[in-house]
Amino acid sequence: MRLLLDTHIWAWSLLEPDRLSLDVKGALAEPETELWLSPISTWEMTLLIERRRIDVDRPAAEWVGEALDRVPMREAELNHVVALRSRSIGLTHGDPADRFLAATASVYGLTLVTADQRLIEGEGYAVLANR
């Protein structure tokens, strides 16, 4: 399985693993699973830490860098194809970060792991719902 982690799933996996469902925990733990992360999630996580919505023990860039080293993931590059797909992906809302994540899953053939109901209900990409 090839999984693209939504930002909150990435954060929960590192800081609050009990918030992950048994299905998601199982999928993340499978040795064959490829874990992917978008630069959008790196950006979002940094913002959340800087705005003190996530509490960590060091500066945002340092913490995020160490998190990326601790749990290596493949980088789902943000490119022109993803940017164009973000405008046509089947979402009913305009949140740019969500659109980029959904488009990334679509372009790279990844399954987006999320608890966000709006993303779960989207069309044009695969989802593993954290329920």
C-alpha atoms as a PDB file:
ATOM      1  CA  MET A   1       0.000   0.000   0.000  1.00  0.00           C
ATOM      2  CA  ARG A   2       1.193   3.522  -0.819  1.00  0.00           C
ATOM      3  CA  LEU A   3      -0.075   6.044   1.727  1.00  0.00           C
ATOM      4  CA  LEU A   4       0.016   9.834   1.624  1.00  0.00           C
ATOM      5  CA  LEU A   5      -0.385  11.150   5.165  1.00  0.00           C
ATOM      6  CA  ASP A   6      -2.613  14.155   5.715  1.00  0.00           C
ATOM      7  CA  THR A   7      -0.897  16.660   7.985  1.00  0.00           C
ATOM      8  CA  HIS A   8      -2.955  15.820  11.065  1.00  0.00           C
ATOM      9  CA  ILE A   9      -2.369  12.077  10.571  1.00  0.00           C
ATOM     10  CA  TRP A  10       1.383  12.733  10.417  1.00  0.00           C
ATOM     11  CA  ALA A  11       1.168  14.871  13.573  1.00  0.00           C
ATOM     12  CA  TRP A  12      -0.947  12.291  15.421  1.00  0.00           C
ATOM     13  CA  SER A  13       1.389   9.451  14.413  1.00  0.00           C
ATOM     14  CA  LEU A  14       4.257  11.341  16.067  1.00  0.00           C
ATOM     15  CA  LEU A  15       2.558  13.047  19.008  1.00  0.00           C
ATOM     16  CA  GLU A  16      -0.808  11.382  19.711  1.00  0.00           C
ATOM     17  CA  PRO A  17      -0.831   7.857  18.220  1.00  0.00           C
ATOM     18  CA  ASP A  18      -3.915   6.921  20.243  1.00  0.00           C
ATOM     19  CA  ARG A  19      -5.939   9.183  17.937  1.00  0.00           C
ATOM     20  CA  LEU A  20      -5.241   6.827  15.027  1.00  0.00           C
ATOM     21  CA  SER A  21      -7.788   4.129  14.253  1.00  0.00           C
ATOM     22  CA  LEU A  22      -6.810   0.473  14.365  1.00  0.00           C
ATOM     23  CA  ASP A  23      -7.061   0.312  10.558  1.00  0.00           C
ATOM     24  CA  VAL A  24      -4.711   3.261  10.124  1.00  0.00           C
ATOM     25  CA  LYS A  25      -2.260   2.002  12.759  1.00  0.00           C
ATOM     26  CA  GLY A  26      -2.222  -1.380  11.043  1.00  0.00           C
ATOM     27  CA  ALA A  27      -1.640   0.112   7.593  1.00  0.00           C
ATOM     28  CA  LEU A  28       1.165   2.348   8.858  1.00  0.00           C
ATOM     29  CA  ALA A  29       2.858  -0.598  10.580  1.00  0.00           C
ATOM     30  CA  GLU A  30       2.830  -2.926   7.553  1.00  0.00           C
ATOM     31  CA  PRO A  31       6.419  -3.485   6.385  1.00  0.00           C
ATOM     32  CA  GLU A  32       5.356  -3.260   2.708  1.00  0.00           C
ATOM     33  CA  THR A  33       3.610   0.083   3.176  1.00  0.00           C
ATOM     34  CA  GLU A  34       5.224   3.062   1.476  1.00  0.00           C
ATOM     35  CA  LEU A  35       4.748   6.247   3.480  1.00  0.00           C
ATOM     36  CA  TRP A  36       4.576   9.488   1.510  1.00  0.00           C
ATOM     37  CA  LEU A  37       4.458  13.095   2.653  1.00  0.00           C
ATOM     38  CA  SER A  38       3.765  16.248   0.711  1.00  0.00           C
ATOM     39  CA  PRO A  39       5.825  19.425   1.200  1.00  0.00           C
ATOM     40  CA  ILE A  40       2.419  20.998   1.901  1.00  0.00           C
ATOM     41  CA  SER A  41       2.295  18.959   5.131  1.00  0.00           C
ATOM     42  CA  THR A  42       5.795  20.090   6.089  1.00  0.00           C
ATOM     43  CA  TRP A  43       4.659  23.684   5.582  1.00  0.00           C
ATOM     44  CA  GLU A  44       1.385  23.146   7.498  1.00  0.00           C
ATOM     45  CA  MET A  45       3.133  21.433  10.406  1.00  0.00           C
ATOM     46  CA  THR A  46       5.640  24.268  10.662  1.00  0.00           C
ATOM     47  CA  LEU A  47       2.806  26.810  10.725  1.00  0.00           C
ATOM     48  CA  LEU A  48       0.905  24.867  13.392  1.00  0.00           C
ATOM     49  CA  ILE A  49       3.982  24.782  15.624  1.00  0.00           C
ATOM     50  CA  GLU A  50       4.823  28.449  15.022  1.00  0.00           C
ATOM     51  CA  ARG A  51       1.234  29.434  15.874  1.00  0.00           C
ATOM     52  CA  ARG A  52       1.379  27.245  18.992  1.00  0.00           C
ATOM     53  CA  ARG A  53      -1.492  25.017  17.863  1.00  0.00           C
ATOM     54  CA  ILE A  54       0.918  22.107  18.315  1.00  0.00           C
ATOM     55  CA  ASP A  55       3.209  22.176  21.325  1.00  0.00           C
ATOM     56  CA  VAL A  56       6.745  20.859  20.858  1.00  0.00           C
ATOM     57  CA  ASP A  57       9.996  21.341  22.745  1.00  0.00           C
ATOM     58  CA  ARG A  58      12.087  23.146  20.098  1.00  0.00           C
ATOM     59  CA  PRO A  59      11.772  25.597  17.203  1.00  0.00           C
ATOM     60  CA  ALA A  60       9.451  24.514  14.403  1.00  0.00           C
ATOM     61  CA  ALA A  61      12.036  24.023  11.654  1.00  0.00           C
ATOM     62  CA  GLU A  62      14.277  22.002  13.967  1.00  0.00           C
ATOM     63  CA  TRP A  63      11.419  19.801  15.226  1.00  0.00           C
ATOM     64  CA  VAL A  64      10.038  19.171  11.727  1.00  0.00           C
ATOM     65  CA  GLY A  65      13.502  18.353  10.380  1.00  0.00           C
ATOM     66  CA  GLU A  66      14.073  15.841  13.164  1.00  0.00           C
ATOM     67  CA  ALA A  67      10.610  14.333  12.613  1.00  0.00           C
ATOM     68  CA  LEU A  68      11.398  13.836   8.930  1.00  0.00           C
ATOM     69  CA  ASP A  69      14.683  12.135   9.859  1.00  0.00           C
ATOM     70  CA  ARG A  70      13.070   9.952  12.537  1.00  0.00           C
ATOM     71  CA  VAL A  71      10.384   8.494  10.270  1.00  0.00           C
ATOM     72  CA  PRO A  72      11.651   8.572   6.693  1.00  0.00           C
ATOM     73  CA  MET A  73       8.989   9.053   4.060  1.00  0.00           C
ATOM     74  CA  ARG A  74       8.997   9.481   0.345  1.00  0.00           C
ATOM     75  CA  GLU A  75       8.516  13.052  -0.778  1.00  0.00           C
ATOM     76  CA  ALA A  76       5.478  13.584  -2.994  1.00  0.00           C
ATOM     77  CA  GLU A  77       6.855  16.412  -5.075  1.00  0.00           C
ATOM     78  CA  LEU A  78       4.752  19.468  -5.643  1.00  0.00           C
ATOM     79  CA  ASN A  79       4.896  20.078  -9.387  1.00  0.00           C
ATOM     80  CA  HIS A  80       2.923  21.629 -12.249  1.00  0.00           C
ATOM     81  CA  VAL A  81       0.799  18.511 -12.783  1.00  0.00           C
ATOM     82  CA  VAL A  82      -0.243  18.510  -9.107  1.00  0.00           C
ATOM     83  CA  ALA A  83      -0.939  22.254  -9.220  1.00  0.00           C
ATOM     84  CA  LEU A  84      -3.174  21.886 -12.269  1.00  0.00           C
ATOM     85  CA  ARG A  85      -4.995  18.853 -10.829  1.00  0.00           C
ATOM     86  CA  SER A  86      -5.656  20.804  -7.612  1.00  0.00           C
ATOM     87  CA  ARG A  87      -8.038  23.016  -9.554  1.00  0.00           C
ATOM     88  CA  SER A  88     -10.139  20.132 -10.942  1.00  0.00           C
ATOM     89  CA  ILE A  89     -10.069  17.620  -8.077  1.00  0.00           C
ATOM     90  CA  GLY A  90     -13.492  16.626  -6.708  1.00  0.00           C
ATOM     91  CA  LEU A  91     -13.730  18.667  -3.513  1.00  0.00           C
ATOM     92  CA  THR A  92     -16.637  20.830  -2.431  1.00  0.00           C
ATOM     93  CA  HIS A  93     -14.449  23.341  -0.595  1.00  0.00           C
ATOM     94  CA  GLY A  94     -11.565  25.539  -1.626  1.00  0.00           C
ATOM     95  CA  ASP A  95      -8.966  24.960   1.096  1.00  0.00           C
ATOM     96  CA  PRO A  96      -5.738  25.134  -0.936  1.00  0.00           C
ATOM     97  CA  ALA A  97      -3.777  22.726   1.287  1.00  0.00           C
ATOM     98  CA  ASP A  98      -6.532  20.101   1.060  1.00  0.00           C
ATOM     99  CA  ARG A  99      -6.746  20.569  -2.705  1.00  0.00           C
ATOM    100  CA  PHE A 100      -2.991  20.061  -3.054  1.00  0.00           C
ATOM    101  CA  LEU A 101      -3.047  16.933  -0.878  1.00  0.00           C
ATOM    102  CA  ALA A 102      -5.974  15.410  -2.783  1.00  0.00           C
ATOM    103  CA  ALA A 103      -4.367  16.281  -6.119  1.00  0.00           C
ATOM    104  CA  THR A 104      -1.069  14.781  -4.961  1.00  0.00           C
ATOM    105  CA  ALA A 105      -2.811  11.511  -4.064  1.00  0.00           C
ATOM    106  CA  SER A 106      -4.497  11.489  -7.456  1.00  0.00           C
ATOM    107  CA  VAL A 107      -1.390  12.281  -9.518  1.00  0.00           C
ATOM    108  CA  TYR A 108       0.899   9.815  -7.731  1.00  0.00           C
ATOM    109  CA  GLY A 109      -1.689   7.039  -7.293  1.00  0.00           C
ATOM    110  CA  LEU A 110      -1.499   7.230  -3.503  1.00  0.00           C
ATOM    111  CA  THR A 111      -4.128   6.594  -0.847  1.00  0.00           C
ATOM    112  CA  LEU A 112      -4.721   9.697   1.267  1.00  0.00           C
ATOM    113  CA  VAL A 113      -4.934   8.883   4.982  1.00  0.00           C
ATOM    114  CA  THR A 114      -7.179  11.431   6.670  1.00  0.00           C
ATOM    115  CA  ALA A 115      -9.807  12.044   9.332  1.00  0.00           C
ATOM    116  CA  ASP A 116     -11.093  15.132   7.515  1.00  0.00           C
ATOM    117  CA  GLN A 117     -14.678  14.377   6.468  1.00  0.00           C
ATOM    118  CA  ARG A 118     -14.480  16.823   3.560  1.00  0.00           C
ATOM    119  CA  LEU A 119     -11.500  14.926   2.131  1.00  0.00           C
ATOM    120  CA  ILE A 120     -13.115  11.553   2.853  1.00  0.00           C
ATOM    121  CA  GLU A 121     -16.112  12.632   0.769  1.00  0.00           C
ATOM    122  CA  GLY A 122     -13.991  13.978  -2.110  1.00  0.00           C
ATOM    123  CA  GLU A 123     -13.760  12.332  -5.507  1.00  0.00           C
ATOM    124  CA  GLY A 124     -10.906  11.454  -7.827  1.00  0.00           C
ATOM    125  CA  TYR A 125      -8.480   9.890  -5.329  1.00  0.00           C
ATOM    126  CA  ALA A 126      -8.323   6.960  -2.901  1.00  0.00           C
ATOM    127  CA  VAL A 127      -8.848   7.479   0.844  1.00  0.00           C
ATOM    128  CA  LEU A 128      -8.123   5.519   4.000  1.00  0.00           C
ATOM    129  CA  ALA A 129     -10.398   7.114   6.576  1.00  0.00           C
ATOM    130  CA  ASN A 130      -9.244   7.405  10.173  1.00  0.00           C
ATOM    131  CA  ARG A 131     -12.493   6.394  11.873  1.00  0.00           C
END
